[in-house]
Amino acid sequence: MDIRTLCLGILTMSDATGYEIKKTFEQDLSHFYDASFGSIYPALTKMTDEGLMTCTEQSQEGRPDKKIYSITAAGRIAFMDALSAKPRKDRIRSEFLAMLMFSDLLSPARVAQLIDDRMKELDDEIDNLQNCSESETSNAQKFMRGFGIAIYRAEQEYLTENRHLLEAEALLARAAAH
């Protein structure tokens, strides 16, 4: 799904501001989709122009008006059409894995640091997903968070059990260079 479709989907759950939509990306969707304000707001504006959602402004004291987005009937139809399509193949994009592909060119200390840093990031992501308010989540949100936690834990387990492969390769490459 693209950013537009996911924004429509979020709005099927309730009306939301751009900030609230971004928060959903940061919590429920963080382990498989990344969206910035720079991609969310243009999508919201375009879909409002296309009649897939409406935007109402709510005044706030001492602050700019709050824009609240609501999905329209046309937006619901577009979202349901998107749900009926076959999902595209999942893609993984990882700067971390791209760097480790060249671990033989890195010092053993750098390889270890990359892996240690990644393990810390995974701990933080797991904590983030576990600390989301359980009282405000649907079964689908609980499922998505649980799935993310399972993926992060599996990655931690794999790194723990296999880091020696890359660290040894970096050591051998370093020894061969000297």
Protein backbone atom coordinates (compact mmCIF):
# COMPACT_ATOMS: atom_id res chain seq x y z
CA MET A 1 0.00 0.00 0.00
CA ASP A 2 1.10 3.51 -0.61
CA ILE A 3 0.95 6.45 1.76
CA ARG A 4 -2.38 7.61 0.37
CA THR A 5 -4.07 4.27 0.91
CA LEU A 6 -2.72 3.94 4.43
CA CYS A 7 -3.94 7.44 5.31
CA LEU A 8 -7.40 6.51 4.03
CA GLY A 9 -7.28 3.33 6.10
CA ILE A 10 -6.32 5.23 9.23
CA LEU A 11 -9.27 7.55 8.66
CA THR A 12 -11.66 4.58 8.48
CA MET A 13 -10.89 4.05 12.18
CA SER A 14 -11.65 7.66 13.16
CA ASP A 15 -11.25 11.25 12.07
CA ALA A 16 -7.72 12.46 12.66
CA THR A 17 -5.29 15.33 12.34
CA GLY A 18 -2.12 14.99 10.31
CA TYR A 19 -0.23 14.73 13.59
CA GLU A 20 -2.44 11.84 14.75
CA ILE A 21 -1.95 10.07 11.43
CA LYS A 22 1.82 10.48 11.78
CA LYS A 23 1.60 9.07 15.31
CA THR A 24 -0.15 5.96 13.94
CA PHE A 25 2.73 5.49 11.50
CA GLU A 26 5.21 5.86 14.36
CA GLN A 27 3.43 3.33 16.56
CA ASP A 28 1.26 0.74 14.83
CA LEU A 29 2.98 0.81 11.46
CA SER A 30 6.56 1.65 12.44
CA HIS A 31 7.99 -1.82 11.89
CA PHE A 32 6.91 -2.03 8.28
CA TYR A 33 6.17 1.44 6.96
CA ASP A 34 7.84 4.80 7.34
CA ALA A 35 6.09 8.07 6.55
CA SER A 36 7.22 11.61 7.19
CA PHE A 37 5.12 14.72 7.56
CA GLY A 38 6.57 15.68 4.17
CA SER A 39 4.78 12.74 2.56
CA ILE A 40 1.64 12.67 4.74
CA TYR A 41 0.51 16.28 4.34
CA PRO A 42 0.80 16.44 0.53
CA ALA A 43 -1.14 13.16 0.32
CA LEU A 44 -3.86 14.55 2.60
CA THR A 45 -4.11 17.76 0.58
CA LYS A 46 -4.33 15.89 -2.73
CA MET A 47 -6.93 13.43 -1.46
CA THR A 48 -8.98 16.31 -0.05
CA ASP A 49 -8.84 17.97 -3.48
CA GLU A 50 -9.92 14.66 -5.07
CA GLY A 51 -12.90 14.34 -2.71
CA LEU A 52 -11.61 11.23 -0.92
CA MET A 53 -11.63 13.07 2.39
CA THR A 54 -12.76 16.33 3.88
CA CYS A 55 -10.85 18.74 6.06
CA THR A 56 -12.43 20.89 8.74
CA GLU A 57 -10.57 23.50 10.69
CA GLN A 58 -10.98 23.75 14.43
CA SER A 59 -9.79 26.95 16.08
CA GLN A 60 -7.36 26.72 18.98
CA GLU A 61 -6.55 29.49 21.38
CA GLY A 62 -3.09 30.95 20.73
CA ARG A 63 -2.26 28.33 18.08
CA PRO A 64 -2.98 27.81 14.39
CA ASP A 65 -6.25 26.13 13.49
CA LYS A 66 -6.24 22.36 13.80
CA LYS A 67 -7.10 20.52 10.57
CA ILE A 68 -9.19 17.41 11.11
CA TYR A 69 -9.51 14.97 8.24
CA SER A 70 -12.51 12.70 7.62
CA ILE A 71 -12.89 10.02 5.00
CA THR A 72 -15.74 10.46 2.49
CA ALA A 73 -17.89 7.78 0.86
CA ALA A 74 -15.66 8.03 -2.22
CA GLY A 75 -12.62 7.59 0.01
CA ARG A 76 -14.13 4.48 1.62
CA ILE A 77 -14.80 3.01 -1.81
CA ALA A 78 -11.23 3.77 -2.92
CA PHE A 79 -9.88 2.19 0.26
CA MET A 80 -12.06 -0.92 -0.07
CA ASP A 81 -10.94 -1.24 -3.72
CA ALA A 82 -7.32 -1.12 -2.53
CA LEU A 83 -8.04 -3.83 0.06
CA SER A 84 -9.43 -6.10 -2.64
CA ALA A 85 -6.23 -5.91 -4.70
CA LYS A 86 -3.50 -8.48 -4.27
CA PRO A 87 -0.75 -7.13 -1.99
CA ARG A 88 2.58 -6.42 -3.61
CA LYS A 89 5.59 -8.46 -2.57
CA ASP A 90 7.10 -7.25 0.71
CA ARG A 91 10.36 -5.37 0.38
CA ILE A 92 12.98 -4.89 3.03
CA ARG A 93 15.15 -1.81 2.83
CA SER A 94 17.95 -1.76 5.35
CA GLU A 95 20.95 0.53 5.51
CA PHE A 96 22.25 -1.76 8.26
CA LEU A 97 22.20 -4.87 6.04
CA ALA A 98 23.66 -2.93 3.12
CA MET A 99 26.62 -1.91 5.29
CA LEU A 100 27.11 -5.44 6.60
CA MET A 101 27.25 -6.75 3.04
CA PHE A 102 30.69 -5.14 2.96
CA SER A 103 31.77 -6.28 6.41
CA ASP A 104 35.00 -7.69 4.98
CA LEU A 105 36.05 -4.10 4.26
CA LEU A 106 35.32 -2.92 7.81
CA SER A 107 37.38 -3.30 10.94
CA PRO A 108 36.22 -6.00 13.36
CA ALA A 109 35.47 -3.24 15.87
CA ARG A 110 33.24 -1.43 13.35
CA VAL A 111 31.33 -4.62 12.54
CA ALA A 112 30.80 -5.29 16.25
CA GLN A 113 29.70 -1.67 16.81
CA LEU A 114 27.19 -1.81 13.95
CA ILE A 115 25.67 -4.99 15.37
CA ASP A 116 25.66 -3.68 18.95
CA ASP A 117 24.00 -0.45 17.82
CA ARG A 118 21.38 -2.41 15.89
CA MET A 119 20.66 -4.58 18.93
CA LYS A 120 20.07 -1.40 20.98
CA GLU A 121 17.77 -0.01 18.27
CA LEU A 122 15.80 -3.26 18.29
CA ASP A 123 15.46 -3.09 22.09
CA ASP A 124 14.16 0.48 21.75
CA GLU A 125 11.66 -0.53 19.03
CA ILE A 126 10.38 -3.43 21.14
CA ASP A 127 10.01 -1.12 24.16
CA ASN A 128 8.17 1.43 22.00
CA LEU A 129 5.69 -1.17 20.76
CA GLN A 130 5.19 -2.68 24.21
CA ASN A 131 4.61 0.72 25.82
CA CYS A 132 1.78 1.75 23.51
CA SER A 133 -1.46 2.20 25.40
CA GLU A 134 -3.19 -1.18 25.41
CA SER A 135 -6.52 0.35 26.45
CA GLU A 136 -6.82 2.29 23.21
CA THR A 137 -6.01 -0.49 20.76
CA SER A 138 -8.13 -2.74 18.62
CA ASN A 139 -7.36 -6.39 18.06
CA ALA A 140 -5.85 -5.45 14.69
CA GLN A 141 -3.54 -2.92 16.37
CA LYS A 142 -2.57 -5.48 19.02
CA PHE A 143 -1.85 -7.96 16.23
CA MET A 144 0.31 -5.45 14.32
CA ARG A 145 2.28 -4.51 17.43
CA GLY A 146 2.75 -8.17 18.36
CA PHE A 147 3.91 -8.94 14.83
CA GLY A 148 6.45 -6.11 15.01
CA ILE A 149 7.74 -7.33 18.36
CA ALA A 150 8.09 -10.87 16.97
CA ILE A 151 10.06 -9.60 13.95
CA TYR A 152 12.40 -7.51 16.10
CA ARG A 153 12.99 -10.38 18.52
CA ALA A 154 13.69 -12.76 15.64
CA GLU A 155 16.22 -10.28 14.25
CA GLN A 156 17.89 -10.02 17.66
CA GLU A 157 18.09 -13.80 17.93
CA TYR A 158 19.55 -14.10 14.43
CA LEU A 159 22.14 -11.41 15.10
CA THR A 160 23.12 -12.99 18.41
CA GLU A 161 23.52 -16.45 16.88
CA ASN A 162 25.25 -15.35 13.65
CA ARG A 163 27.27 -12.20 14.30
CA HIS A 164 30.39 -14.34 14.61
CA LEU A 165 30.23 -15.01 10.84
CA LEU A 166 30.75 -11.35 9.96
CA GLU A 167 33.10 -10.59 12.81
CA ALA A 168 35.32 -13.54 11.80
CA GLU A 169 35.27 -12.45 8.17
CA ALA A 170 36.31 -8.93 9.16
CA LEU A 171 39.17 -10.38 11.27
CA LEU A 172 40.36 -12.58 8.39
CA ALA A 173 40.19 -9.71 5.91
CA ARG A 174 42.11 -7.47 8.31
CA ALA A 175 44.80 -10.17 8.84
CA ALA A 176 45.13 -10.77 5.08
CA ALA A 177 45.60 -7.03 4.49
CA HIS A 178 48.55 -6.84 6.89
